[in-house]
Amino acid sequence: SDTGSFRTAPPPNMPAAARFVFTGDSDGTRVNGQPAY
């Protein structure tokens, strides 16, 4: 397969910086082969 990557969390007793993203609502429906959005 393709190679994936991930980072494990720091220990719960360790102060650590973090940077993360969030979003949702993904309608990937295609109409006549083209993305609806």
PDB file of all heavy atoms in Angstrom:
ATOM      1  N   SER A   1       0.829  -1.209   0.000  1.00  0.00           N
ATOM      2  CA  SER A   1       0.000   0.000   0.000  1.00  0.00           C
ATOM      3  C   SER A   1       0.862   1.256   0.000  1.00  0.00           C
ATOM      4  O   SER A   1       2.092   1.201   0.115  1.00  0.00           O
ATOM      5  CB  SER A   1      -0.882   0.018   1.261  1.00  0.00           C
ATOM      6  OG  SER A   1      -0.088   0.278   2.415  1.00  0.00           O
ATOM      7  N   ASP A   2       0.200   2.403  -0.103  1.00  0.00           N
ATOM      8  CA  ASP A   2       0.870   3.660   0.165  1.00  0.00           C
ATOM      9  C   ASP A   2       1.389   3.658   1.604  1.00  0.00           C
ATOM     10  O   ASP A   2       0.875   2.929   2.465  1.00  0.00           O
ATOM     11  CB  ASP A   2      -0.099   4.839  -0.002  1.00  0.00           C
ATOM     12  CG  ASP A   2      -0.574   4.998  -1.439  1.00  0.00           C
ATOM     13  OD1 ASP A   2       0.181   4.640  -2.361  1.00  0.00           O
ATOM     14  OD2 ASP A   2      -1.717   5.481  -1.623  1.00  0.00           O
ATOM     15  N   THR A   3       2.379   4.490   1.865  1.00  0.00           N
ATOM     16  CA  THR A   3       2.901   4.641   3.225  1.00  0.00           C
ATOM     17  C   THR A   3       2.180   5.773   3.935  1.00  0.00           C
ATOM     18  O   THR A   3       2.112   6.892   3.415  1.00  0.00           O
ATOM     19  CB  THR A   3       4.408   4.920   3.207  1.00  0.00           C
ATOM     20  OG1 THR A   3       5.101   3.801   2.639  1.00  0.00           O
ATOM     21  CG2 THR A   3       4.936   5.181   4.613  1.00  0.00           C
ATOM     22  N   GLY A   4       1.634   5.462   5.085  1.00  0.00           N
ATOM     23  CA  GLY A   4       0.996   6.479   5.903  1.00  0.00           C
ATOM     24  C   GLY A   4       1.878   6.874   7.064  1.00  0.00           C
ATOM     25  O   GLY A   4       2.897   6.227   7.350  1.00  0.00           O
ATOM     26  N   SER A   5       1.496   7.953   7.742  1.00  0.00           N
ATOM     27  CA  SER A   5       2.264   8.398   8.900  1.00  0.00           C
ATOM     28  C   SER A   5       1.332   8.948   9.969  1.00  0.00           C
ATOM     29  O   SER A   5       0.231   9.412   9.684  1.00  0.00           O
ATOM     30  CB  SER A   5       3.288   9.463   8.498  1.00  0.00           C
ATOM     31  OG  SER A   5       2.670  10.581   7.889  1.00  0.00           O
ATOM     32  N   PHE A   6       1.788   8.874  11.206  1.00  0.00           N
ATOM     33  CA  PHE A   6       1.045   9.447  12.329  1.00  0.00           C
ATOM     34  C   PHE A   6       2.038   9.733  13.445  1.00  0.00           C
ATOM     35  O   PHE A   6       3.149   9.186  13.489  1.00  0.00           O
ATOM     36  CB  PHE A   6      -0.053   8.498  12.832  1.00  0.00           C
ATOM     37  CG  PHE A   6       0.456   7.197  13.397  1.00  0.00           C
ATOM     38  CD1 PHE A   6       0.770   7.077  14.753  1.00  0.00           C
ATOM     39  CD2 PHE A   6       0.629   6.081  12.581  1.00  0.00           C
ATOM     40  CE1 PHE A   6       1.241   5.882  15.281  1.00  0.00           C
ATOM     41  CE2 PHE A   6       1.093   4.883  13.094  1.00  0.00           C
ATOM     42  CZ  PHE A   6       1.398   4.785  14.446  1.00  0.00           C
ATOM     43  N   ARG A   7       1.641  10.589  14.356  1.00  0.00           N
ATOM     44  CA  ARG A   7       2.448  10.921  15.519  1.00  0.00           C
ATOM     45  C   ARG A   7       1.695  10.488  16.767  1.00  0.00           C
ATOM     46  O   ARG A   7       0.516  10.809  16.930  1.00  0.00           O
ATOM     47  CB  ARG A   7       2.719  12.422  15.568  1.00  0.00           C
ATOM     48  CG  ARG A   7       3.719  12.839  16.647  1.00  0.00           C
ATOM     49  CD  ARG A   7       3.992  14.338  16.563  1.00  0.00           C
ATOM     50  NE  ARG A   7       4.577  14.717  15.295  1.00  0.00           N
ATOM     51  CZ  ARG A   7       5.873  14.623  14.999  1.00  0.00           C
ATOM     52  NH1 ARG A   7       6.725  14.138  15.900  1.00  0.00           N
ATOM     53  NH2 ARG A   7       6.317  14.993  13.809  1.00  0.00           N
ATOM     54  N   THR A   8       2.360   9.732  17.631  1.00  0.00           N
ATOM     55  CA  THR A   8       1.720   9.340  18.881  1.00  0.00           C
ATOM     56  C   THR A   8       1.652  10.534  19.831  1.00  0.00           C
ATOM     57  O   THR A   8       2.428  11.486  19.732  1.00  0.00           O
ATOM     58  CB  THR A   8       2.470   8.189  19.558  1.00  0.00           C
ATOM     59  OG1 THR A   8       3.865   8.505  19.616  1.00  0.00           O
ATOM     60  CG2 THR A   8       2.259   6.892  18.816  1.00  0.00           C
ATOM     61  N   ALA A   9       0.707  10.477  20.740  1.00  0.00           N
ATOM     62  CA  ALA A   9       0.508  11.566  21.691  1.00  0.00           C
ATOM     63  C   ALA A   9       1.660  11.608  22.693  1.00  0.00           C
ATOM     64  O   ALA A   9       2.257  10.568  23.022  1.00  0.00           O
ATOM     65  CB  ALA A   9      -0.814  11.377  22.431  1.00  0.00           C
ATOM     66  N   PRO A  10       1.963  12.789  23.215  1.00  0.00           N
ATOM     67  CA  PRO A  10       2.911  12.871  24.325  1.00  0.00           C
ATOM     68  C   PRO A  10       2.316  12.207  25.564  1.00  0.00           C
ATOM     69  O   PRO A  10       1.097  12.047  25.669  1.00  0.00           O
ATOM     70  CB  PRO A  10       3.081  14.384  24.536  1.00  0.00           C
ATOM     71  CG  PRO A  10       2.539  15.034  23.292  1.00  0.00           C
ATOM     72  CD  PRO A  10       1.484  14.106  22.779  1.00  0.00           C
ATOM     73  N   PRO A  11       3.144  11.827  26.521  1.00  0.00           N
ATOM     74  CA  PRO A  11       2.607  11.246  27.756  1.00  0.00           C
ATOM     75  C   PRO A  11       1.653  12.219  28.437  1.00  0.00           C
ATOM     76  O   PRO A  11       1.839  13.438  28.380  1.00  0.00           O
ATOM     77  CB  PRO A  11       3.860  11.010  28.619  1.00  0.00           C
ATOM     78  CG  PRO A  11       4.993  10.975  27.664  1.00  0.00           C
ATOM     79  CD  PRO A  11       4.617  11.883  26.532  1.00  0.00           C
ATOM     80  N   PRO A  12       0.624  11.712  29.108  1.00  0.00           N
ATOM     81  CA  PRO A  12      -0.375  12.595  29.710  1.00  0.00           C
ATOM     82  C   PRO A  12       0.158  13.492  30.816  1.00  0.00           C
ATOM     83  O   PRO A  12      -0.516  14.432  31.217  1.00  0.00           O
ATOM     84  CB  PRO A  12      -1.440  11.636  30.254  1.00  0.00           C
ATOM     85  CG  PRO A  12      -1.028  10.273  29.910  1.00  0.00           C
ATOM     86  CD  PRO A  12       0.281  10.302  29.223  1.00  0.00           C
ATOM     87  N   ASN A  13       1.367  13.220  31.315  1.00  0.00           N
ATOM     88  CA  ASN A  13       1.947  14.077  32.355  1.00  0.00           C
ATOM     89  C   ASN A  13       2.995  15.040  31.815  1.00  0.00           C
ATOM     90  O   ASN A  13       3.689  15.703  32.588  1.00  0.00           O
ATOM     91  CB  ASN A  13       2.574  13.212  33.465  1.00  0.00           C
ATOM     92  CG  ASN A  13       3.686  12.320  32.937  1.00  0.00           C
ATOM     93  OD1 ASN A  13       3.879  12.201  31.729  1.00  0.00           O
ATOM     94  ND2 ASN A  13       4.417  11.691  33.842  1.00  0.00           N
ATOM     95  N   MET A  14       3.104  15.145  30.486  1.00  0.00           N
ATOM     96  CA  MET A  14       4.138  15.974  29.873  1.00  0.00           C
ATOM     97  C   MET A  14       3.520  17.191  29.188  1.00  0.00           C
ATOM     98  O   MET A  14       2.700  17.040  28.277  1.00  0.00           O
ATOM     99  CB  MET A  14       4.927  15.173  28.837  1.00  0.00           C
ATOM    100  CG  MET A  14       5.963  16.008  28.069  1.00  0.00           C
ATOM    101  SD  MET A  14       6.714  15.093  26.702  1.00  0.00           S
ATOM    102  CE  MET A  14       7.657  13.884  27.636  1.00  0.00           C
ATOM    103  N   PRO A  15       3.899  18.414  29.588  1.00  0.00           N
ATOM    104  CA  PRO A  15       3.450  19.588  28.828  1.00  0.00           C
ATOM    105  C   PRO A  15       4.005  19.515  27.409  1.00  0.00           C
ATOM    106  O   PRO A  15       5.184  19.191  27.206  1.00  0.00           O
ATOM    107  CB  PRO A  15       4.058  20.768  29.597  1.00  0.00           C
ATOM    108  CG  PRO A  15       4.411  20.225  30.941  1.00  0.00           C
ATOM    109  CD  PRO A  15       4.738  18.775  30.738  1.00  0.00           C
ATOM    110  N   ALA A  16       3.169  19.755  26.435  1.00  0.00           N
ATOM    111  CA  ALA A  16       3.607  19.636  25.045  1.00  0.00           C
ATOM    112  C   ALA A  16       2.778  20.557  24.162  1.00  0.00           C
ATOM    113  O   ALA A  16       1.561  20.689  24.348  1.00  0.00           O
ATOM    114  CB  ALA A  16       3.478  18.187  24.566  1.00  0.00           C
ATOM    115  N   ALA A  17       3.441  21.183  23.212  1.00  0.00           N
ATOM    116  CA  ALA A  17       2.731  21.979  22.218  1.00  0.00           C
ATOM    117  C   ALA A  17       1.977  21.060  21.281  1.00  0.00           C
ATOM    118  O   ALA A  17       2.315  19.879  21.121  1.00  0.00           O
ATOM    119  CB  ALA A  17       3.718  22.841  21.440  1.00  0.00           C
ATOM    120  N   ALA A  18       0.932  21.590  20.660  1.00  0.00           N
ATOM    121  CA  ALA A  18       0.160  20.811  19.699  1.00  0.00           C
ATOM    122  C   ALA A  18      -0.397  21.744  18.630  1.00  0.00           C
ATOM    123  O   ALA A  18      -0.616  22.935  18.868  1.00  0.00           O
ATOM    124  CB  ALA A  18      -0.977  20.063  20.384  1.00  0.00           C
ATOM    125  N   ARG A  19      -0.629  21.162  17.477  1.00  0.00           N
ATOM    126  CA  ARG A  19      -1.162  21.899  16.335  1.00  0.00           C
ATOM    127  C   ARG A  19      -2.098  20.930  15.613  1.00  0.00           C
ATOM    128  O   ARG A  19      -1.671  19.872  15.139  1.00  0.00           O
ATOM    129  CB  ARG A  19      -0.004  22.323  15.437  1.00  0.00           C
ATOM    130  CG  ARG A  19      -0.362  23.114  14.197  1.00  0.00           C
ATOM    131  CD  ARG A  19       0.928  23.414  13.427  1.00  0.00           C
ATOM    132  NE  ARG A  19       0.665  24.176  12.221  1.00  0.00           N
ATOM    133  CZ  ARG A  19       0.627  25.510  12.169  1.00  0.00           C
ATOM    134  NH1 ARG A  19       0.844  26.215  13.263  1.00  0.00           N
ATOM    135  NH2 ARG A  19       0.378  26.135  11.025  1.00  0.00           N
ATOM    136  N   PHE A  20      -3.395  21.255  15.574  1.00  0.00           N
ATOM    137  CA  PHE A  20      -4.308  20.334  14.915  1.00  0.00           C
ATOM    138  C   PHE A  20      -5.400  21.094  14.178  1.00  0.00           C
ATOM    139  O   PHE A  20      -5.608  22.293  14.396  1.00  0.00           O
ATOM    140  CB  PHE A  20      -4.888  19.321  15.911  1.00  0.00           C
ATOM    141  CG  PHE A  20      -5.744  19.893  17.010  1.00  0.00           C
ATOM    142  CD1 PHE A  20      -7.121  20.006  16.873  1.00  0.00           C
ATOM    143  CD2 PHE A  20      -5.177  20.267  18.224  1.00  0.00           C
ATOM    144  CE1 PHE A  20      -7.922  20.497  17.895  1.00  0.00           C
ATOM    145  CE2 PHE A  20      -5.967  20.759  19.262  1.00  0.00           C
ATOM    146  CZ  PHE A  20      -7.339  20.877  19.103  1.00  0.00           C
ATOM    147  N   VAL A  21      -6.096  20.382  13.291  1.00  0.00           N
ATOM    148  CA  VAL A  21      -7.117  20.981  12.441  1.00  0.00           C
ATOM    149  C   VAL A  21      -8.432  20.240  12.641  1.00  0.00           C
ATOM    150  O   VAL A  21      -8.451  19.071  13.047  1.00  0.00           O
ATOM    151  CB  VAL A  21      -6.706  20.963  10.954  1.00  0.00           C
ATOM    152  CG1 VAL A  21      -5.532  21.904  10.702  1.00  0.00           C
ATOM    153  CG2 VAL A  21      -6.364  19.546  10.483  1.00  0.00           C
ATOM    154  N   PHE A  22      -9.519  20.935  12.347  1.00  0.00           N
ATOM    155  CA  PHE A  22     -10.836  20.301  12.448  1.00  0.00           C
ATOM    156  C   PHE A  22     -11.783  20.894  11.414  1.00  0.00           C
ATOM    157  O   PHE A  22     -11.720  22.074  11.085  1.00  0.00           O
ATOM    158  CB  PHE A  22     -11.421  20.458  13.859  1.00  0.00           C
ATOM    159  CG  PHE A  22     -11.820  21.864  14.243  1.00  0.00           C
ATOM    160  CD1 PHE A  22     -13.132  22.307  14.108  1.00  0.00           C
ATOM    161  CD2 PHE A  22     -10.882  22.753  14.757  1.00  0.00           C
ATOM    162  CE1 PHE A  22     -13.502  23.598  14.474  1.00  0.00           C
ATOM    163  CE2 PHE A  22     -11.245  24.037  15.133  1.00  0.00           C
ATOM    164  CZ  PHE A  22     -12.555  24.465  14.986  1.00  0.00           C
ATOM    165  N   THR A  23     -12.655  20.061  10.906  1.00  0.00           N
ATOM    166  CA  THR A  23     -13.738  20.471  10.020  1.00  0.00           C
ATOM    167  C   THR A  23     -14.609  19.244   9.750  1.00  0.00           C
ATOM    168  O   THR A  23     -14.360  18.157  10.263  1.00  0.00           O
ATOM    169  CB  THR A  23     -13.216  21.093   8.712  1.00  0.00           C
ATOM    170  OG1 THR A  23     -14.301  21.673   7.974  1.00  0.00           O
ATOM    171  CG2 THR A  23     -12.518  20.066   7.831  1.00  0.00           C
ATOM    172  N   GLY A  24     -15.646  19.426   8.942  1.00  0.00           N
ATOM    173  CA  GLY A  24     -16.537  18.322   8.588  1.00  0.00           C
ATOM    174  C   GLY A  24     -17.475  18.743   7.479  1.00  0.00           C
ATOM    175  O   GLY A  24     -17.252  19.733   6.794  1.00  0.00           O
ATOM    176  N   ASP A  25     -18.547  17.973   7.294  1.00  0.00           N
ATOM    177  CA  ASP A  25     -19.576  18.249   6.279  1.00  0.00           C
ATOM    178  C   ASP A  25     -19.003  18.087   4.869  1.00  0.00           C
ATOM    179  O   ASP A  25     -18.725  19.068   4.173  1.00  0.00           O
ATOM    180  CB  ASP A  25     -20.173  19.649   6.453  1.00  0.00           C
ATOM    181  CG  ASP A  25     -20.918  19.814   7.760  1.00  0.00           C
ATOM    182  OD1 ASP A  25     -21.409  18.812   8.280  1.00  0.00           O
ATOM    183  OD2 ASP A  25     -21.001  20.948   8.256  1.00  0.00           O
ATOM    184  N   SER A  26     -18.841  16.825   4.460  1.00  0.00           N
ATOM    185  CA  SER A  26     -18.200  16.531   3.170  1.00  0.00           C
ATOM    186  C   SER A  26     -19.132  15.719   2.283  1.00  0.00           C
ATOM    187  O   SER A  26     -19.183  14.496   2.384  1.00  0.00           O
ATOM    188  CB  SER A  26     -16.875  15.789   3.390  1.00  0.00           C
ATOM    189  OG  SER A  26     -17.025  14.714   4.295  1.00  0.00           O
ATOM    190  N   ASP A  27     -19.860  16.417   1.427  1.00  0.00           N
ATOM    191  CA  ASP A  27     -20.739  15.770   0.457  1.00  0.00           C
ATOM    192  C   ASP A  27     -19.954  15.569  -0.832  1.00  0.00           C
ATOM    193  O   ASP A  27     -19.768  16.494  -1.615  1.00  0.00           O
ATOM    194  CB  ASP A  27     -21.977  16.637   0.209  1.00  0.00           C
ATOM    195  CG  ASP A  27     -23.005  15.945  -0.695  1.00  0.00           C
ATOM    196  OD1 ASP A  27     -22.676  14.877  -1.252  1.00  0.00           O
ATOM    197  OD2 ASP A  27     -24.122  16.477  -0.842  1.00  0.00           O
ATOM    198  N   GLY A  28     -19.495  14.351  -1.025  1.00  0.00           N
ATOM    199  CA  GLY A  28     -18.697  14.039  -2.209  1.00  0.00           C
ATOM    200  C   GLY A  28     -19.504  13.533  -3.387  1.00  0.00           C
ATOM    201  O   GLY A  28     -18.932  13.013  -4.356  1.00  0.00           O
ATOM    202  N   THR A  29     -20.828  13.687  -3.342  1.00  0.00           N
ATOM    203  CA  THR A  29     -21.677  13.202  -4.422  1.00  0.00           C
ATOM    204  C   THR A  29     -21.217  13.759  -5.763  1.00  0.00           C
ATOM    205  O   THR A  29     -20.921  14.956  -5.883  1.00  0.00           O
ATOM    206  CB  THR A  29     -23.139  13.615  -4.169  1.00  0.00           C
ATOM    207  OG1 THR A  29     -23.556  13.097  -2.903  1.00  0.00           O
ATOM    208  CG2 THR A  29     -24.054  13.089  -5.271  1.00  0.00           C
ATOM    209  N   ARG A  30     -21.170  12.896  -6.740  1.00  0.00           N
ATOM    210  CA  ARG A  30     -20.835  13.327  -8.106  1.00  0.00           C
ATOM    211  C   ARG A  30     -22.107  13.293  -8.949  1.00  0.00           C
ATOM    212  O   ARG A  30     -22.921  12.385  -8.841  1.00  0.00           O
ATOM    213  CB  ARG A  30     -19.759  12.434  -8.716  1.00  0.00           C
ATOM    214  CG  ARG A  30     -18.416  12.557  -8.000  1.00  0.00           C
ATOM    215  CD  ARG A  30     -17.348  11.669  -8.628  1.00  0.00           C
ATOM    216  NE  ARG A  30     -16.090  11.764  -7.914  1.00  0.00           N
ATOM    217  CZ  ARG A  30     -15.132  12.646  -8.181  1.00  0.00           C
ATOM    218  NH1 ARG A  30     -15.306  13.516  -9.177  1.00  0.00           N
ATOM    219  NH2 ARG A  30     -14.007  12.671  -7.484  1.00  0.00           N
ATOM    220  N   VAL A  31     -22.246  14.292  -9.802  1.00  0.00           N
ATOM    221  CA  VAL A  31     -23.375  14.398 -10.717  1.00  0.00           C
ATOM    222  C   VAL A  31     -22.818  14.346 -12.132  1.00  0.00           C
ATOM    223  O   VAL A  31     -22.006  15.195 -12.524  1.00  0.00           O
ATOM    224  CB  VAL A  31     -24.166  15.703 -10.477  1.00  0.00           C
ATOM    225  CG1 VAL A  31     -25.343  15.790 -11.449  1.00  0.00           C
ATOM    226  CG2 VAL A  31     -24.653  15.778  -9.027  1.00  0.00           C
ATOM    227  N   ASN A  32     -23.221  13.340 -12.875  1.00  0.00           N
ATOM    228  CA  ASN A  32     -22.683  13.133 -14.229  1.00  0.00           C
ATOM    229  C   ASN A  32     -21.159  13.079 -14.213  1.00  0.00           C
ATOM    230  O   ASN A  32     -20.475  13.620 -15.089  1.00  0.00           O
ATOM    231  CB  ASN A  32     -23.157  14.232 -15.180  1.00  0.00           C
ATOM    232  CG  ASN A  32     -24.657  14.229 -15.361  1.00  0.00           C
ATOM    233  OD1 ASN A  32     -25.292  13.165 -15.405  1.00  0.00           O
ATOM    234  ND2 ASN A  32     -25.251  15.404 -15.457  1.00  0.00           N
ATOM    235  N   GLY A  33     -20.632  12.452 -13.156  1.00  0.00           N
ATOM    236  CA  GLY A  33     -19.190  12.272 -13.054  1.00  0.00           C
ATOM    237  C   GLY A  33     -18.435  13.451 -12.492  1.00  0.00           C
ATOM    238  O   GLY A  33     -17.213  13.356 -12.295  1.00  0.00           O
ATOM    239  N   GLN A  34     -19.120  14.555 -12.196  1.00  0.00           N
ATOM    240  CA  GLN A  34     -18.456  15.756 -11.694  1.00  0.00           C
ATOM    241  C   GLN A  34     -18.858  16.020 -10.238  1.00  0.00           C
ATOM    242  O   GLN A  34     -20.003  15.757  -9.851  1.00  0.00           O
ATOM    243  CB  GLN A  34     -18.824  16.970 -12.555  1.00  0.00           C
ATOM    244  CG  GLN A  34     -18.399  16.847 -14.006  1.00  0.00           C
ATOM    245  CD  GLN A  34     -16.894  16.683 -14.147  1.00  0.00           C
ATOM    246  OE1 GLN A  34     -16.125  17.410 -13.526  1.00  0.00           O
ATOM    247  NE2 GLN A  34     -16.484  15.710 -14.966  1.00  0.00           N
ATOM    248  N   PRO A  35     -17.924  16.551  -9.424  1.00  0.00           N
ATOM    249  CA  PRO A  35     -18.285  16.849  -8.027  1.00  0.00           C
ATOM    250  C   PRO A  35     -19.449  17.816  -7.949  1.00  0.00           C
ATOM    251  O   PRO A  35     -19.496  18.816  -8.682  1.00  0.00           O
ATOM    252  CB  PRO A  35     -17.008  17.481  -7.464  1.00  0.00           C
ATOM    253  CG  PRO A  35     -15.910  17.006  -8.358  1.00  0.00           C
ATOM    254  CD  PRO A  35     -16.518  16.866  -9.718  1.00  0.00           C
ATOM    255  N   ALA A  36     -20.385  17.534  -7.070  1.00  0.00           N
ATOM    256  CA  ALA A  36     -21.541  18.415  -6.911  1.00  0.00           C
ATOM    257  C   ALA A  36     -21.135  19.764  -6.341  1.00  0.00           C
ATOM    258  O   ALA A  36     -21.821  20.772  -6.585  1.00  0.00           O
ATOM    259  CB  ALA A  36     -22.576  17.754  -5.997  1.00  0.00           C
ATOM    260  N   TYR A  37     -20.027  19.808  -5.571  1.00  0.00           N
ATOM    261  CA  TYR A  37     -19.627  21.061  -4.931  1.00  0.00           C
ATOM    262  C   TYR A  37     -18.198  21.465  -5.258  1.00  0.00           C
ATOM    263  O   TYR A  37     -17.959  22.539  -5.794  1.00  0.00           O
ATOM    264  CB  TYR A  37     -19.819  20.961  -3.413  1.00  0.00           C
ATOM    265  CG  TYR A  37     -21.280  20.816  -3.046  1.00  0.00           C
ATOM    266  CD1 TYR A  37     -21.810  19.557  -2.749  1.00  0.00           C
ATOM    267  CD2 TYR A  37     -22.122  21.904  -3.037  1.00  0.00           C
ATOM    268  CE1 TYR A  37     -23.157  19.420  -2.434  1.00  0.00           C
ATOM    269  CE2 TYR A  37     -23.475  21.776  -2.735  1.00  0.00           C
ATOM    270  CZ  TYR A  37     -23.988  20.530  -2.430  1.00  0.00           C
ATOM    271  OH  TYR A  37     -25.320  20.393  -2.147  1.00  0.00           O
TER     272      TYR A  37
END
